[in-house]
Amino acid sequence: MSVRWSNVSWQLVMSYCSFFLPIHEFCLVTFCSIDCSIADVVREEVSQFLRRWPRLSRWSRTSSLVVNEEESQHGDTIEALVRCAAEYRHPVLDAFLEDATIAQKSIANFKAFLFAESTLSPGDEMQEVIDIAKSSKRTDVRQWAMTYGTFCPRRDRSLVYRLVGRPVHISGTCLLIFAQDVMRNNAPVALKLMHNEEEWLREQDMRKLANGDLLDSTHVLQLLNAVEIEGDAGAMDSRLKGDDSYKYMLTMPQAKSDLNDALSHTRFAGRNRAQVVKVLYQIATHLRYLNAQCHRIPGDLKPRNVVQLEVETDTGIELVWILIDMDASCAIGEDAGQKLTSS
């Protein structure tokens, strides 16, 4: 059964569908005969949106919103207005998220931000308002919500990282911070931001053999990617500020710890002979591989440049020590010291 609307109603529906509904729903509404039940749903959503968006626009920092009893009875409750703001990314949502005085971006705080009086529902203090936007009908809003609060070194957002904590290491040449790789199911990674292009390129080149093959990843930690940062990393996130702007970045699998921390905190040196022998044997094996098979030296061997990783073996997950930081490496017979190390 079809339904007949006025031209004005039809234009409003088309405007709403083309901008807010997913493409498959838009095609259904546009190119198929409209069943009454579908038409009623679309018409109701259009009506709700056209009521709620202007009401949200009346908010200002000096004039909070108020929901009266009649509006609530029509379904325009505080919860409905909050959901509209988040699902369609009304400007009041950005104002709330950018407010530096509000640490927790929960639904409860969003309600308090918008309304003079608000009643909390179960879970309002626990759920982030950005979670509503992640389920928006609009693809661009969903994508924005998924990357909100993340570090994107490329403008096309092909790489998205959620930084974890503070930097774990800062030197005159680089900054290291842990993160989650959003595009790889939040896999834990380590981001190494660097000032110097030459050292950044050497980190990549020194992980390759003369024929272009990569070094064996059981001996030297390989890179997940290497990119030039498009923009000011420190402006994107204050944790990435340095004496100078970081322009280059390497992404690596996140290690459990480095040998320097292990020696300082686990106290096995001088106490656990078997553990000491195991660590030294693994390091010696890596050095023999570099010297005998690759004909090079690491150039900056120190406890901080030996890290512990979880690897899968035939008998299960095993912790192993592996070499990192290859930008000081060089071939045997070449001049060493092309990089000024921090050791």
C-alpha atoms as a PDB file:
ATOM      1  CA  MET A   1       0.000   0.000   0.000  1.00  0.00           C
ATOM      2  CA  SER A   2       1.383   3.429  -0.924  1.00  0.00           C
ATOM      3  CA  VAL A   3       1.061   6.762   0.871  1.00  0.00           C
ATOM      4  CA  ARG A   4       0.475  10.252  -0.559  1.00  0.00           C
ATOM      5  CA  TRP A   5       2.212  13.283   0.913  1.00  0.00           C
ATOM      6  CA  SER A   6       2.367  16.949   0.073  1.00  0.00           C
ATOM      7  CA  ASN A   7       5.300  18.230  -1.977  1.00  0.00           C
ATOM      8  CA  VAL A   8       6.742  19.974   1.077  1.00  0.00           C
ATOM      9  CA  SER A   9       6.633  16.792   3.165  1.00  0.00           C
ATOM     10  CA  TRP A  10       8.229  14.809   0.359  1.00  0.00           C
ATOM     11  CA  GLN A  11      11.073  17.325  -0.025  1.00  0.00           C
ATOM     12  CA  LEU A  12      11.762  17.241   3.690  1.00  0.00           C
ATOM     13  CA  VAL A  13      11.916  13.448   3.652  1.00  0.00           C
ATOM     14  CA  MET A  14      14.306  13.438   0.684  1.00  0.00           C
ATOM     15  CA  SER A  15      16.572  16.001   2.337  1.00  0.00           C
ATOM     16  CA  TYR A  16      16.602  13.976   5.528  1.00  0.00           C
ATOM     17  CA  CYS A  17      17.237  10.663   3.773  1.00  0.00           C
ATOM     18  CA  SER A  18      20.031  11.879   1.544  1.00  0.00           C
ATOM     19  CA  PHE A  19      21.921  13.413   4.468  1.00  0.00           C
ATOM     20  CA  PHE A  20      21.185  11.239   7.461  1.00  0.00           C
ATOM     21  CA  LEU A  21      20.179   7.730   6.422  1.00  0.00           C
ATOM     22  CA  PRO A  22      22.590   4.977   5.347  1.00  0.00           C
ATOM     23  CA  ILE A  23      22.821   4.577   1.570  1.00  0.00           C
ATOM     24  CA  HIS A  24      20.871   1.314   1.461  1.00  0.00           C
ATOM     25  CA  GLU A  25      17.965   2.912   3.340  1.00  0.00           C
ATOM     26  CA  PHE A  26      18.135   5.969   1.092  1.00  0.00           C
ATOM     27  CA  CYS A  27      17.895   3.770  -2.004  1.00  0.00           C
ATOM     28  CA  LEU A  28      14.980   1.914  -0.459  1.00  0.00           C
ATOM     29  CA  VAL A  29      13.091   5.123   0.222  1.00  0.00           C
ATOM     30  CA  THR A  30      13.934   6.759  -3.109  1.00  0.00           C
ATOM     31  CA  PHE A  31      13.596   4.001  -5.660  1.00  0.00           C
ATOM     32  CA  CYS A  32      11.060   1.619  -4.170  1.00  0.00           C
ATOM     33  CA  SER A  33       7.375   2.108  -3.530  1.00  0.00           C
ATOM     34  CA  ILE A  34       7.033   3.208   0.048  1.00  0.00           C
ATOM     35  CA  ASP A  35       5.119   0.911   2.355  1.00  0.00           C
ATOM     36  CA  CYS A  36       3.007   2.715   4.921  1.00  0.00           C
ATOM     37  CA  SER A  37       4.989   1.345   7.862  1.00  0.00           C
ATOM     38  CA  ILE A  38       8.316   2.472   6.359  1.00  0.00           C
ATOM     39  CA  ALA A  39       6.872   5.844   5.417  1.00  0.00           C
ATOM     40  CA  ASP A  40       5.568   6.381   8.926  1.00  0.00           C
ATOM     41  CA  VAL A  41       8.963   5.583  10.445  1.00  0.00           C
ATOM     42  CA  VAL A  42      10.799   7.929   8.085  1.00  0.00           C
ATOM     43  CA  ARG A  43       8.229  10.693   8.534  1.00  0.00           C
ATOM     44  CA  GLU A  44       8.463  10.389  12.329  1.00  0.00           C
ATOM     45  CA  GLU A  45      12.268  10.527  12.255  1.00  0.00           C
ATOM     46  CA  VAL A  46      12.161  13.603  10.031  1.00  0.00           C
ATOM     47  CA  SER A  47       9.652  15.243  12.344  1.00  0.00           C
ATOM     48  CA  GLN A  48      11.742  14.465  15.426  1.00  0.00           C
ATOM     49  CA  PHE A  49      14.919  15.774  13.826  1.00  0.00           C
ATOM     50  CA  LEU A  50      13.275  19.012  12.671  1.00  0.00           C
ATOM     51  CA  ARG A  51      12.012  19.627  16.215  1.00  0.00           C
ATOM     52  CA  ARG A  52      15.149  18.658  18.137  1.00  0.00           C
ATOM     53  CA  TRP A  53      17.976  20.156  16.074  1.00  0.00           C
ATOM     54  CA  PRO A  54      16.675  23.779  16.341  1.00  0.00           C
ATOM     55  CA  ARG A  55      16.007  23.293  20.054  1.00  0.00           C
ATOM     56  CA  LEU A  56      19.603  22.199  20.602  1.00  0.00           C
ATOM     57  CA  SER A  57      20.726  25.267  18.643  1.00  0.00           C
ATOM     58  CA  ARG A  58      19.128  27.509  21.270  1.00  0.00           C
ATOM     59  CA  TRP A  59      21.714  26.386  23.826  1.00  0.00           C
ATOM     60  CA  SER A  60      24.460  28.793  24.858  1.00  0.00           C
ATOM     61  CA  ARG A  61      26.922  28.948  27.727  1.00  0.00           C
ATOM     62  CA  THR A  62      24.738  31.603  29.343  1.00  0.00           C
ATOM     63  CA  SER A  63      21.415  29.969  28.547  1.00  0.00           C
ATOM     64  CA  SER A  64      20.876  26.299  29.353  1.00  0.00           C
ATOM     65  CA  LEU A  65      18.108  24.250  27.786  1.00  0.00           C
ATOM     66  CA  VAL A  66      14.875  23.414  29.585  1.00  0.00           C
ATOM     67  CA  VAL A  67      12.481  20.592  28.732  1.00  0.00           C
ATOM     68  CA  ASN A  68       8.882  21.206  29.817  1.00  0.00           C
ATOM     69  CA  GLU A  69       6.243  18.584  30.497  1.00  0.00           C
ATOM     70  CA  GLU A  70       4.474  19.008  27.161  1.00  0.00           C
ATOM     71  CA  GLU A  71       7.717  18.504  25.220  1.00  0.00           C
ATOM     72  CA  SER A  72       8.504  15.399  27.228  1.00  0.00           C
ATOM     73  CA  GLN A  73       5.085  13.972  26.452  1.00  0.00           C
ATOM     74  CA  HIS A  74       5.826  14.434  22.726  1.00  0.00           C
ATOM     75  CA  GLY A  75       9.006  12.391  23.142  1.00  0.00           C
ATOM     76  CA  ASP A  76      11.431  15.315  23.218  1.00  0.00           C
ATOM     77  CA  THR A  77      12.958  14.289  26.519  1.00  0.00           C
ATOM     78  CA  ILE A  78      16.419  15.209  27.746  1.00  0.00           C
ATOM     79  CA  GLU A  79      17.602  11.731  26.725  1.00  0.00           C
ATOM     80  CA  ALA A  80      16.174  12.176  23.219  1.00  0.00           C
ATOM     81  CA  LEU A  81      17.853  15.561  22.743  1.00  0.00           C
ATOM     82  CA  VAL A  82      21.187  14.204  24.005  1.00  0.00           C
ATOM     83  CA  ARG A  83      20.961  11.293  21.578  1.00  0.00           C
ATOM     84  CA  CYS A  84      20.083  13.630  18.686  1.00  0.00           C
ATOM     85  CA  ALA A  85      23.095  15.844  19.458  1.00  0.00           C
ATOM     86  CA  ALA A  86      25.438  12.857  19.561  1.00  0.00           C
ATOM     87  CA  GLU A  87      24.015  10.862  16.632  1.00  0.00           C
ATOM     88  CA  TYR A  88      24.082  13.827  14.226  1.00  0.00           C
ATOM     89  CA  ARG A  89      27.037  15.681  15.759  1.00  0.00           C
ATOM     90  CA  HIS A  90      25.280  18.905  16.595  1.00  0.00           C
ATOM     91  CA  PRO A  91      27.745  21.770  17.311  1.00  0.00           C
ATOM     92  CA  VAL A  92      26.867  21.579  21.023  1.00  0.00           C
ATOM     93  CA  LEU A  93      28.561  18.151  21.084  1.00  0.00           C
ATOM     94  CA  ASP A  94      31.854  19.656  19.877  1.00  0.00           C
ATOM     95  CA  ALA A  95      31.514  22.476  22.410  1.00  0.00           C
ATOM     96  CA  PHE A  96      31.149  19.881  25.174  1.00  0.00           C
ATOM     97  CA  LEU A  97      34.035  17.689  24.013  1.00  0.00           C
ATOM     98  CA  GLU A  98      36.355  20.682  23.623  1.00  0.00           C
ATOM     99  CA  ASP A  99      35.594  22.065  27.087  1.00  0.00           C
ATOM    100  CA  ALA A 100      38.882  21.595  28.953  1.00  0.00           C
ATOM    101  CA  THR A 101      37.190  22.036  32.351  1.00  0.00           C
ATOM    102  CA  ILE A 102      35.242  18.775  31.915  1.00  0.00           C
ATOM    103  CA  ALA A 103      37.584  15.809  32.341  1.00  0.00           C
ATOM    104  CA  GLN A 104      35.065  12.977  31.963  1.00  0.00           C
ATOM    105  CA  LYS A 105      32.985  13.158  28.773  1.00  0.00           C
ATOM    106  CA  SER A 106      30.125  11.041  30.116  1.00  0.00           C
ATOM    107  CA  ILE A 107      26.435  11.268  29.256  1.00  0.00           C
ATOM    108  CA  ALA A 108      25.820  12.544  32.776  1.00  0.00           C
ATOM    109  CA  ASN A 109      28.201  15.456  32.277  1.00  0.00           C
ATOM    110  CA  PHE A 110      26.745  16.163  28.827  1.00  0.00           C
ATOM    111  CA  LYS A 111      23.284  16.447  30.346  1.00  0.00           C
ATOM    112  CA  ALA A 112      24.578  18.827  33.010  1.00  0.00           C
ATOM    113  CA  PHE A 113      26.380  20.820  30.301  1.00  0.00           C
ATOM    114  CA  LEU A 114      23.206  21.345  28.231  1.00  0.00           C
ATOM    115  CA  PHE A 115      20.308  21.458  30.639  1.00  0.00           C
ATOM    116  CA  ALA A 116      19.428  23.620  33.614  1.00  0.00           C
ATOM    117  CA  GLU A 117      17.874  20.594  35.317  1.00  0.00           C
ATOM    118  CA  SER A 118      18.491  16.974  34.385  1.00  0.00           C
ATOM    119  CA  THR A 119      17.724  13.573  35.839  1.00  0.00           C
ATOM    120  CA  LEU A 120      20.331  10.861  35.483  1.00  0.00           C
ATOM    121  CA  SER A 121      19.542   7.405  34.184  1.00  0.00           C
ATOM    122  CA  PRO A 122      21.414   4.209  35.136  1.00  0.00           C
ATOM    123  CA  GLY A 123      24.746   4.117  33.350  1.00  0.00           C
ATOM    124  CA  ASP A 124      24.885   7.835  32.467  1.00  0.00           C
ATOM    125  CA  GLU A 125      27.983   8.370  34.590  1.00  0.00           C
ATOM    126  CA  MET A 126      29.714   5.305  33.146  1.00  0.00           C
ATOM    127  CA  GLN A 127      28.936   5.650  29.419  1.00  0.00           C
ATOM    128  CA  GLU A 128      30.851   8.116  27.265  1.00  0.00           C
ATOM    129  CA  VAL A 129      28.712  10.368  25.091  1.00  0.00           C
ATOM    130  CA  ILE A 130      30.989   9.550  22.145  1.00  0.00           C
ATOM    131  CA  ASP A 131      29.659   5.971  22.301  1.00  0.00           C
ATOM    132  CA  ILE A 132      26.288   7.235  21.032  1.00  0.00           C
ATOM    133  CA  ALA A 133      27.971   8.863  18.040  1.00  0.00           C
ATOM    134  CA  LYS A 134      29.690   5.570  17.192  1.00  0.00           C
ATOM    135  CA  SER A 135      26.260   4.103  16.343  1.00  0.00           C
ATOM    136  CA  SER A 136      25.064   7.094  14.299  1.00  0.00           C
ATOM    137  CA  LYS A 137      23.189   6.587  11.021  1.00  0.00           C
ATOM    138  CA  ARG A 138      25.630   8.999   9.396  1.00  0.00           C
ATOM    139  CA  THR A 139      28.818   7.333   8.155  1.00  0.00           C
ATOM    140  CA  ASP A 140      30.919  10.467   8.606  1.00  0.00           C
ATOM    141  CA  VAL A 141      29.804  10.839  12.228  1.00  0.00           C
ATOM    142  CA  ARG A 142      30.581   7.171  12.959  1.00  0.00           C
ATOM    143  CA  GLN A 143      34.048   7.534  11.445  1.00  0.00           C
ATOM    144  CA  TRP A 144      34.661  10.737  13.381  1.00  0.00           C
ATOM    145  CA  ALA A 145      33.537   9.091  16.639  1.00  0.00           C
ATOM    146  CA  MET A 146      35.753   6.051  16.106  1.00  0.00           C
ATOM    147  CA  THR A 147      38.820   8.273  15.725  1.00  0.00           C
ATOM    148  CA  TYR A 148      37.907  10.899  18.337  1.00  0.00           C
ATOM    149  CA  GLY A 149      40.724  11.507  20.802  1.00  0.00           C
ATOM    150  CA  THR A 150      43.240   9.629  18.675  1.00  0.00           C
ATOM    151  CA  PHE A 151      46.537  10.523  17.017  1.00  0.00           C
ATOM    152  CA  CYS A 152      46.405  10.428  13.212  1.00  0.00           C
ATOM    153  CA  PRO A 153      49.846  11.078  11.677  1.00  0.00           C
ATOM    154  CA  ARG A 154      48.366  11.194   8.142  1.00  0.00           C
ATOM    155  CA  ARG A 155      45.599  13.538   7.059  1.00  0.00           C
ATOM    156  CA  ASP A 156      43.783  10.753   5.233  1.00  0.00           C
ATOM    157  CA  ARG A 157      43.403   8.978   8.625  1.00  0.00           C
ATOM    158  CA  SER A 158      44.752   5.736   7.181  1.00  0.00           C
ATOM    159  CA  LEU A 159      46.706   5.346  10.429  1.00  0.00           C
ATOM    160  CA  VAL A 160      44.867   5.896  13.714  1.00  0.00           C
ATOM    161  CA  TYR A 161      46.417   5.441  17.156  1.00  0.00           C
ATOM    162  CA  ARG A 162      45.028   5.857  20.651  1.00  0.00           C
ATOM    163  CA  LEU A 163      47.910   6.966  22.866  1.00  0.00           C
ATOM    164  CA  VAL A 164      48.344   5.150  26.185  1.00  0.00           C
ATOM    165  CA  GLY A 165      49.807   7.054  29.137  1.00  0.00           C
ATOM    166  CA  ARG A 166      52.846   9.283  29.023  1.00  0.00           C
ATOM    167  CA  PRO A 167      56.025   8.831  26.920  1.00  0.00           C
ATOM    168  CA  VAL A 168      58.139   5.940  28.188  1.00  0.00           C
ATOM    169  CA  HIS A 169      61.367   7.409  26.814  1.00  0.00           C
ATOM    170  CA  ILE A 170      62.536  10.838  25.623  1.00  0.00           C
ATOM    171  CA  SER A 171      66.021  11.625  24.343  1.00  0.00           C
ATOM    172  CA  GLY A 172      67.613  14.343  22.251  1.00  0.00           C
ATOM    173  CA  THR A 173      66.717  12.437  19.077  1.00  0.00           C
ATOM    174  CA  CYS A 174      63.359  10.764  19.686  1.00  0.00           C
ATOM    175  CA  LEU A 175      60.269  10.171  21.809  1.00  0.00           C
ATOM    176  CA  LEU A 176      58.762   6.744  22.488  1.00  0.00           C
ATOM    177  CA  ILE A 177      55.157   6.257  23.576  1.00  0.00           C
ATOM    178  CA  PHE A 178      52.823   3.261  23.731  1.00  0.00           C
ATOM    179  CA  ALA A 179      49.541   3.247  21.812  1.00  0.00           C
ATOM    180  CA  GLN A 180      46.716   1.108  20.465  1.00  0.00           C
ATOM    181  CA  ASP A 181      46.454   0.658  16.704  1.00  0.00           C
ATOM    182  CA  VAL A 182      42.758   1.408  16.103  1.00  0.00           C
ATOM    183  CA  MET A 183      42.873   0.071  12.538  1.00  0.00           C
ATOM    184  CA  ARG A 184      44.308  -3.257  13.752  1.00  0.00           C
ATOM    185  CA  ASN A 185      41.754  -4.082  16.457  1.00  0.00           C
ATOM    186  CA  ASN A 186      43.547  -1.908  19.031  1.00  0.00           C
ATOM    187  CA  ALA A 187      46.740  -3.989  18.840  1.00  0.00           C
ATOM    188  CA  PRO A 188      49.374  -2.679  21.303  1.00  0.00           C
ATOM    189  CA  VAL A 189      52.186  -0.840  19.536  1.00  0.00           C
ATOM    190  CA  ALA A 190      55.097   1.471  20.294  1.00  0.00           C
ATOM    191  CA  LEU A 191      55.419   4.757  18.391  1.00  0.00           C
ATOM    192  CA  LYS A 192      58.893   6.216  17.934  1.00  0.00           C
ATOM    193  CA  LEU A 193      58.753   9.861  16.875  1.00  0.00           C
ATOM    194  CA  MET A 194      61.963  11.331  15.487  1.00  0.00           C
ATOM    195  CA  HIS A 195      63.357  14.748  14.544  1.00  0.00           C
ATOM    196  CA  ASN A 196      66.019  13.720  12.049  1.00  0.00           C
ATOM    197  CA  GLU A 197      65.119  12.342   8.621  1.00  0.00           C
ATOM    198  CA  GLU A 198      68.495  10.698   8.100  1.00  0.00           C
ATOM    199  CA  GLU A 199      68.228   8.698  11.327  1.00  0.00           C
ATOM    200  CA  TRP A 200      64.627   7.780  10.477  1.00  0.00           C
ATOM    201  CA  LEU A 201      65.718   6.461   7.087  1.00  0.00           C
ATOM    202  CA  ARG A 202      68.674   4.603   8.617  1.00  0.00           C
ATOM    203  CA  GLU A 203      66.316   2.856  11.060  1.00  0.00           C
ATOM    204  CA  GLN A 204      64.543   1.450   8.006  1.00  0.00           C
ATOM    205  CA  ASP A 205      67.600   0.785   5.863  1.00  0.00           C
ATOM    206  CA  MET A 206      69.558  -0.951   8.631  1.00  0.00           C
ATOM    207  CA  ARG A 207      66.748  -3.479   9.017  1.00  0.00           C
ATOM    208  CA  LYS A 208      67.445  -4.707   5.492  1.00  0.00           C
ATOM    209  CA  LEU A 209      70.176  -6.828   3.934  1.00  0.00           C
ATOM    210  CA  ALA A 210      72.191  -5.649   0.941  1.00  0.00           C
ATOM    211  CA  ASN A 211      69.767  -7.433  -1.402  1.00  0.00           C
ATOM    212  CA  GLY A 212      66.773  -5.642   0.124  1.00  0.00           C
ATOM    213  CA  ASP A 213      65.497  -8.553   2.225  1.00  0.00           C
ATOM    214  CA  LEU A 214      64.465  -7.749   5.781  1.00  0.00           C
ATOM    215  CA  LEU A 215      66.596  -8.868   8.706  1.00  0.00           C
ATOM    216  CA  ASP A 216      65.370 -11.947  10.531  1.00  0.00           C
ATOM    217  CA  SER A 217      62.629 -10.754  12.915  1.00  0.00           C
ATOM    218  CA  THR A 218      63.660 -13.372  15.499  1.00  0.00           C
ATOM    219  CA  HIS A 219      66.850 -11.334  16.019  1.00  0.00           C
ATOM    220  CA  VAL A 220      65.884  -7.716  15.225  1.00  0.00           C
ATOM    221  CA  LEU A 221      62.504  -6.115  15.893  1.00  0.00           C
ATOM    222  CA  GLN A 222      60.903  -5.232  12.578  1.00  0.00           C
ATOM    223  CA  LEU A 223      58.774  -2.166  11.838  1.00  0.00           C
ATOM    224  CA  LEU A 224      55.024  -2.197  11.233  1.00  0.00           C
ATOM    225  CA  ASN A 225      55.234   1.037   9.254  1.00  0.00           C
ATOM    226  CA  ALA A 226      57.254   4.232   8.806  1.00  0.00           C
ATOM    227  CA  VAL A 227      55.613   7.550   7.911  1.00  0.00           C
ATOM    228  CA  GLU A 228      56.298  11.239   7.676  1.00  0.00           C
ATOM    229  CA  ILE A 229      53.979  13.034  10.082  1.00  0.00           C
ATOM    230  CA  GLU A 230      51.624  15.390   8.248  1.00  0.00           C
ATOM    231  CA  GLY A 231      51.219  18.255  10.679  1.00  0.00           C
ATOM    232  CA  ASP A 232      52.527  19.179  14.120  1.00  0.00           C
ATOM    233  CA  ALA A 233      52.466  16.110  16.377  1.00  0.00           C
ATOM    234  CA  GLY A 234      52.718  18.258  19.499  1.00  0.00           C
ATOM    235  CA  ALA A 235      49.662  20.252  18.447  1.00  0.00           C
ATOM    236  CA  MET A 236      47.702  17.030  17.870  1.00  0.00           C
ATOM    237  CA  ASP A 237      48.523  15.787  21.375  1.00  0.00           C
ATOM    238  CA  SER A 238      50.494  17.635  24.073  1.00  0.00           C
ATOM    239  CA  ARG A 239      52.224  14.379  25.067  1.00  0.00           C
ATOM    240  CA  LEU A 240      54.069  14.473  21.737  1.00  0.00           C
ATOM    241  CA  LYS A 241      55.708  17.865  22.251  1.00  0.00           C
ATOM    242  CA  GLY A 242      59.497  18.040  22.093  1.00  0.00           C
ATOM    243  CA  ASP A 243      62.241  20.641  21.867  1.00  0.00           C
ATOM    244  CA  ASP A 244      61.557  20.622  18.134  1.00  0.00           C
ATOM    245  CA  SER A 245      58.660  19.293  16.073  1.00  0.00           C
ATOM    246  CA  TYR A 246      58.706  15.547  15.447  1.00  0.00           C
ATOM    247  CA  LYS A 247      58.361  15.022  11.708  1.00  0.00           C
ATOM    248  CA  TYR A 248      58.949  11.271  11.345  1.00  0.00           C
ATOM    249  CA  MET A 249      57.517   8.184  13.002  1.00  0.00           C
ATOM    250  CA  LEU A 250      58.162   4.457  13.227  1.00  0.00           C
ATOM    251  CA  THR A 251      55.567   1.975  14.482  1.00  0.00           C
ATOM    252  CA  MET A 252      56.715  -1.239  16.154  1.00  0.00           C
ATOM    253  CA  PRO A 253      55.123  -4.054  18.141  1.00  0.00           C
ATOM    254  CA  GLN A 254      54.924  -3.095  21.810  1.00  0.00           C
ATOM    255  CA  ALA A 255      57.461  -4.860  24.029  1.00  0.00           C
ATOM    256  CA  LYS A 256      56.780  -6.098  27.559  1.00  0.00           C
ATOM    257  CA  SER A 257      59.841  -4.247  28.892  1.00  0.00           C
ATOM    258  CA  ASP A 258      63.421  -3.399  28.048  1.00  0.00           C
ATOM    259  CA  LEU A 259      66.489  -4.915  29.678  1.00  0.00           C
ATOM    260  CA  ASN A 260      67.317  -1.694  31.491  1.00  0.00           C
ATOM    261  CA  ASP A 261      63.971  -1.774  33.326  1.00  0.00           C
ATOM    262  CA  ALA A 262      64.300  -5.509  33.983  1.00  0.00           C
ATOM    263  CA  LEU A 263      67.731  -5.053  35.567  1.00  0.00           C
ATOM    264  CA  SER A 264      66.411  -2.198  37.703  1.00  0.00           C
ATOM    265  CA  HIS A 265      63.151  -3.739  38.897  1.00  0.00           C
ATOM    266  CA  THR A 266      63.180  -7.542  38.667  1.00  0.00           C
ATOM    267  CA  ARG A 267      66.536  -7.990  40.441  1.00  0.00           C
ATOM    268  CA  PHE A 268      67.649 -11.126  38.621  1.00  0.00           C
ATOM    269  CA  ALA A 269      71.194  -9.841  37.961  1.00  0.00           C
ATOM    270  CA  GLY A 270      73.565 -11.425  40.472  1.00  0.00           C
ATOM    271  CA  ARG A 271      70.756 -13.546  41.936  1.00  0.00           C
ATOM    272  CA  ASN A 272      69.327 -15.786  39.222  1.00  0.00           C
ATOM    273  CA  ARG A 273      72.185 -17.416  37.328  1.00  0.00           C
ATOM    274  CA  ALA A 274      69.897 -19.338  34.957  1.00  0.00           C
ATOM    275  CA  GLN A 275      68.034 -16.155  33.964  1.00  0.00           C
ATOM    276  CA  VAL A 276      71.276 -14.255  33.423  1.00  0.00           C
ATOM    277  CA  VAL A 277      72.667 -17.021  31.215  1.00  0.00           C
ATOM    278  CA  LYS A 278      69.413 -17.182  29.206  1.00  0.00           C
ATOM    279  CA  VAL A 279      69.407 -13.429  28.529  1.00  0.00           C
ATOM    280  CA  LEU A 280      73.111 -13.312  27.605  1.00  0.00           C
ATOM    281  CA  TYR A 281      72.758 -16.342  25.349  1.00  0.00           C
ATOM    282  CA  GLN A 282      69.903 -14.739  23.428  1.00  0.00           C
ATOM    283  CA  ILE A 283      71.806 -11.462  23.007  1.00  0.00           C
ATOM    284  CA  ALA A 284      74.931 -13.322  21.887  1.00  0.00           C
ATOM    285  CA  THR A 285      72.848 -15.251  19.345  1.00  0.00           C
ATOM    286  CA  HIS A 286      71.527 -11.989  17.893  1.00  0.00           C
ATOM    287  CA  LEU A 287      75.037 -10.515  17.679  1.00  0.00           C
ATOM    288  CA  ARG A 288      76.376 -13.647  15.974  1.00  0.00           C
ATOM    289  CA  TYR A 289      73.558 -13.380  13.417  1.00  0.00           C
ATOM    290  CA  LEU A 290      74.380  -9.728  12.693  1.00  0.00           C
ATOM    291  CA  ASN A 291      78.141 -10.325  12.539  1.00  0.00           C
ATOM    292  CA  ALA A 292      78.346 -13.680  10.749  1.00  0.00           C
ATOM    293  CA  GLN A 293      75.349 -13.555   8.410  1.00  0.00           C
ATOM    294  CA  CYS A 294      74.693  -9.844   7.930  1.00  0.00           C
ATOM    295  CA  HIS A 295      78.314  -8.607   8.306  1.00  0.00           C
ATOM    296  CA  ARG A 296      77.377  -5.657  10.459  1.00  0.00           C
ATOM    297  CA  ILE A 297      77.367  -4.427  14.060  1.00  0.00           C
ATOM    298  CA  PRO A 298      74.407  -2.925  15.990  1.00  0.00           C
ATOM    299  CA  GLY A 299      76.388   0.228  16.812  1.00  0.00           C
ATOM    300  CA  ASP A 300      74.429   1.149  19.959  1.00  0.00           C
ATOM    301  CA  LEU A 301      74.160  -2.005  22.054  1.00  0.00           C
ATOM    302  CA  LYS A 302      72.921  -1.228  25.573  1.00  0.00           C
ATOM    303  CA  PRO A 303      70.256  -2.597  27.951  1.00  0.00           C
ATOM    304  CA  ARG A 304      67.616  -0.112  26.774  1.00  0.00           C
ATOM    305  CA  ASN A 305      68.015  -1.365  23.192  1.00  0.00           C
ATOM    306  CA  VAL A 306      67.214  -4.964  24.154  1.00  0.00           C
ATOM    307  CA  VAL A 307      63.491  -5.600  24.660  1.00  0.00           C
ATOM    308  CA  GLN A 308      61.323  -8.497  25.773  1.00  0.00           C
ATOM    309  CA  LEU A 309      58.548  -9.679  23.455  1.00  0.00           C
ATOM    310  CA  GLU A 310      55.846 -12.315  23.579  1.00  0.00           C
ATOM    311  CA  VAL A 311      56.236 -14.751  20.664  1.00  0.00           C
ATOM    312  CA  GLU A 312      54.268 -17.816  19.676  1.00  0.00           C
ATOM    313  CA  THR A 313      56.221 -21.084  19.664  1.00  0.00           C
ATOM    314  CA  ASP A 314      55.327 -24.740  19.200  1.00  0.00           C
ATOM    315  CA  THR A 315      54.920 -25.022  22.970  1.00  0.00           C
ATOM    316  CA  GLY A 316      52.885 -21.828  23.434  1.00  0.00           C
ATOM    317  CA  ILE A 317      53.652 -18.172  24.230  1.00  0.00           C
ATOM    318  CA  GLU A 318      57.277 -17.532  25.204  1.00  0.00           C
ATOM    319  CA  LEU A 319      59.077 -14.381  26.350  1.00  0.00           C
ATOM    320  CA  VAL A 320      62.245 -13.637  24.375  1.00  0.00           C
ATOM    321  CA  TRP A 321      64.800 -10.835  24.282  1.00  0.00           C
ATOM    322  CA  ILE A 322      65.396  -9.123  20.934  1.00  0.00           C
ATOM    323  CA  LEU A 323      67.424  -6.184  19.544  1.00  0.00           C
ATOM    324  CA  ILE A 324      65.936  -2.794  18.599  1.00  0.00           C
ATOM    325  CA  ASP A 325      67.189   0.663  17.546  1.00  0.00           C
ATOM    326  CA  MET A 326      69.230   0.002  14.423  1.00  0.00           C
ATOM    327  CA  ASP A 327      69.884   3.583  13.268  1.00  0.00           C
ATOM    328  CA  ALA A 328      73.484   3.414  14.602  1.00  0.00           C
ATOM    329  CA  SER A 329      74.165   0.077  12.884  1.00  0.00           C
ATOM    330  CA  CYS A 330      76.773  -0.154  10.162  1.00  0.00           C
ATOM    331  CA  ALA A 331      78.534  -2.773   8.010  1.00  0.00           C
ATOM    332  CA  ILE A 332      81.760  -4.253   9.319  1.00  0.00           C
ATOM    333  CA  GLY A 333      84.598  -2.221   7.835  1.00  0.00           C
ATOM    334  CA  GLU A 334      82.573   0.986   7.508  1.00  0.00           C
ATOM    335  CA  ASP A 335      82.996   4.027   9.722  1.00  0.00           C
ATOM    336  CA  ALA A 336      80.855   3.689  12.852  1.00  0.00           C
ATOM    337  CA  GLY A 337      79.360   6.573  14.821  1.00  0.00           C
ATOM    338  CA  GLN A 338      77.230   8.165  12.117  1.00  0.00           C
ATOM    339  CA  LYS A 339      74.598   8.647  14.793  1.00  0.00           C
ATOM    340  CA  LEU A 340      75.331  10.484  18.040  1.00  0.00           C
ATOM    341  CA  THR A 341      73.957   7.945  20.529  1.00  0.00           C
ATOM    342  CA  SER A 342      72.463   8.751  23.907  1.00  0.00           C
ATOM    343  CA  SER A 343      74.588   6.133  25.720  1.00  0.00           C
END
